[in-house]
Amino acid sequence: MIEILNRVGLTEYATNEGLSSMVDDKGNSLSGGERKRLTLGRMLLRNYDFVFFDEPLTGLDPKTSQDVIDILLSMHEFGWAMVTHQYNKSLFDSADEIIVVSEGRIKTVGRLDDVYVQGCLHELKLA
């Protein structure tokens, strides 16, 4: 448990005192970034084969957003996919596949260096 808390950046809870802290089931006593980190930690404690993230960076400041991306990119225990409307080069560079959707339709599928992916991201003002 302490290793997981440290890994997701919740080091202040990775102590005996921190582990005995009360956090309600909705995490209302935590900041938005702490709630996202706690969610990631909970996923690491389970044996999922695959996880789907829906806008995991929404509402986070740029530093916390990058911290969450770094945590996601370090998660090799399971596969994962993400829906996002935020462009992040390190995240997109690391993607096995990018599916660009616009107006409810798949426009293209590929890696970040694919010219069609670049064109669609540019059209959407994401690159």
Protein backbone atom coordinates (compact mmCIF):
# COMPACT_ATOMS: atom_id res chain seq x y z
CA MET A 1 0.00 0.00 0.00
CA ILE A 2 2.77 2.45 0.92
CA GLU A 3 4.62 1.65 -2.31
CA ILE A 4 1.47 2.39 -4.35
CA LEU A 5 0.83 5.68 -2.53
CA ASN A 6 4.40 6.77 -3.19
CA ARG A 7 4.15 5.71 -6.83
CA VAL A 8 1.05 7.83 -7.47
CA GLY A 9 2.46 10.85 -5.65
CA LEU A 10 0.43 10.60 -2.45
CA THR A 11 3.53 10.45 -0.27
CA GLU A 12 1.91 12.37 2.60
CA TYR A 13 -0.45 9.38 3.03
CA ALA A 14 2.34 6.78 2.71
CA THR A 15 2.98 6.68 6.45
CA ASN A 16 1.27 4.91 9.35
CA GLU A 17 -0.38 8.20 10.29
CA GLY A 18 -1.37 8.90 6.70
CA LEU A 19 -2.83 5.41 6.26
CA SER A 20 -5.10 6.00 9.26
CA SER A 21 -6.42 9.28 7.79
CA MET A 22 -10.13 9.28 7.09
CA VAL A 23 -11.13 9.89 3.49
CA ASP A 24 -14.82 9.61 2.66
CA ASP A 25 -15.93 7.35 -0.18
CA LYS A 26 -16.19 10.28 -2.64
CA GLY A 27 -12.83 11.74 -1.61
CA ASN A 28 -14.37 15.12 -0.76
CA SER A 29 -11.57 15.87 1.70
CA LEU A 30 -9.01 15.58 -1.12
CA SER A 31 -8.07 18.01 -3.88
CA GLY A 32 -8.98 17.15 -7.47
CA GLY A 33 -5.43 16.04 -8.19
CA GLU A 34 -5.32 13.89 -5.06
CA ARG A 35 -8.61 12.23 -6.06
CA LYS A 36 -7.20 11.41 -9.53
CA ARG A 37 -4.03 10.01 -7.93
CA LEU A 38 -6.08 7.95 -5.46
CA THR A 39 -8.11 6.52 -8.34
CA LEU A 40 -4.90 5.49 -10.12
CA GLY A 41 -3.60 3.91 -6.92
CA ARG A 42 -6.81 1.92 -6.48
CA MET A 43 -6.47 0.63 -10.02
CA LEU A 44 -2.94 -0.54 -9.31
CA LEU A 45 -4.20 -2.51 -6.30
CA ARG A 46 -6.65 -4.44 -8.48
CA ASN A 47 -5.74 -6.98 -11.14
CA TYR A 48 -7.40 -5.35 -14.13
CA ASP A 49 -6.46 -6.46 -17.62
CA PHE A 50 -7.60 -3.19 -19.20
CA VAL A 51 -8.78 0.23 -17.96
CA PHE A 52 -10.64 2.93 -19.87
CA PHE A 53 -10.03 6.56 -18.78
CA ASP A 54 -12.56 9.24 -19.71
CA GLU A 55 -10.97 12.72 -19.54
CA PRO A 56 -8.66 11.96 -16.59
CA LEU A 57 -6.91 15.35 -16.92
CA THR A 58 -10.01 17.55 -16.77
CA GLY A 59 -9.90 20.15 -14.02
CA LEU A 60 -6.22 19.66 -13.21
CA ASP A 61 -3.60 22.38 -13.25
CA PRO A 62 -0.77 21.88 -15.80
CA LYS A 63 1.72 20.45 -13.29
CA THR A 64 -0.73 17.98 -11.77
CA SER A 65 -1.91 17.05 -15.26
CA GLN A 66 1.67 16.23 -16.28
CA ASP A 67 2.17 14.28 -13.03
CA VAL A 68 -0.91 12.18 -13.81
CA ILE A 69 0.34 11.61 -17.39
CA ASP A 70 3.70 10.47 -16.02
CA ILE A 71 1.92 8.04 -13.68
CA LEU A 72 -0.22 6.71 -16.53
CA LEU A 73 2.80 6.22 -18.77
CA SER A 74 4.51 4.23 -16.02
CA MET A 75 1.57 1.83 -15.64
CA HIS A 76 2.55 -1.38 -17.39
CA GLU A 77 0.50 -3.73 -15.19
CA PHE A 78 -2.52 -3.45 -17.49
CA GLY A 79 -3.55 -2.02 -20.83
CA TRP A 80 -5.40 1.27 -20.96
CA ALA A 81 -7.14 3.66 -23.30
CA MET A 82 -7.99 7.31 -22.82
CA VAL A 83 -10.55 9.72 -24.23
CA THR A 84 -9.22 13.26 -24.14
CA HIS A 85 -9.70 16.61 -25.81
CA GLN A 86 -6.35 17.89 -24.50
CA TYR A 87 -3.22 17.58 -26.58
CA ASN A 88 -0.09 16.46 -24.75
CA LYS A 89 2.91 15.58 -26.91
CA SER A 90 4.49 13.14 -24.44
CA LEU A 91 1.18 11.32 -24.01
CA PHE A 92 0.44 11.22 -27.75
CA ASP A 93 4.04 10.19 -28.56
CA SER A 94 3.66 7.22 -26.21
CA ALA A 95 0.31 6.10 -27.62
CA ASP A 96 0.26 2.81 -29.48
CA GLU A 97 -2.60 4.20 -31.51
CA ILE A 98 -4.47 7.50 -31.73
CA ILE A 99 -8.08 7.46 -32.89
CA VAL A 100 -9.22 10.92 -33.96
CA VAL A 101 -12.99 11.40 -33.68
CA SER A 102 -14.84 14.47 -34.93
CA GLU A 103 -18.58 15.03 -35.20
CA GLY A 104 -19.22 11.51 -33.97
CA ARG A 105 -17.14 9.83 -36.68
CA ILE A 106 -13.69 8.29 -36.72
CA LYS A 107 -11.58 10.53 -38.95
CA THR A 108 -8.32 8.57 -38.81
CA VAL A 109 -6.33 6.06 -36.80
CA GLY A 110 -2.56 5.94 -36.43
CA ARG A 111 0.47 7.14 -34.52
CA LEU A 112 1.31 10.76 -33.82
CA ASP A 113 3.82 10.94 -36.68
CA ASP A 114 1.18 9.84 -39.22
CA VAL A 115 0.37 12.74 -41.60
CA TYR A 116 -3.36 11.98 -41.47
CA VAL A 117 -3.36 12.01 -37.67
CA GLN A 118 -1.41 15.29 -37.70
CA GLY A 119 -3.84 16.79 -40.22
CA CYS A 120 -6.91 15.80 -38.20
CA LEU A 121 -5.39 17.05 -34.95
CA HIS A 122 -4.56 20.33 -36.67
CA GLU A 123 -8.14 20.65 -37.97
CA LEU A 124 -9.37 20.18 -34.40
CA LYS A 125 -6.79 22.72 -33.17
CA LEU A 126 -5.12 20.05 -31.02
CA ALA A 127 -1.65 20.17 -32.54
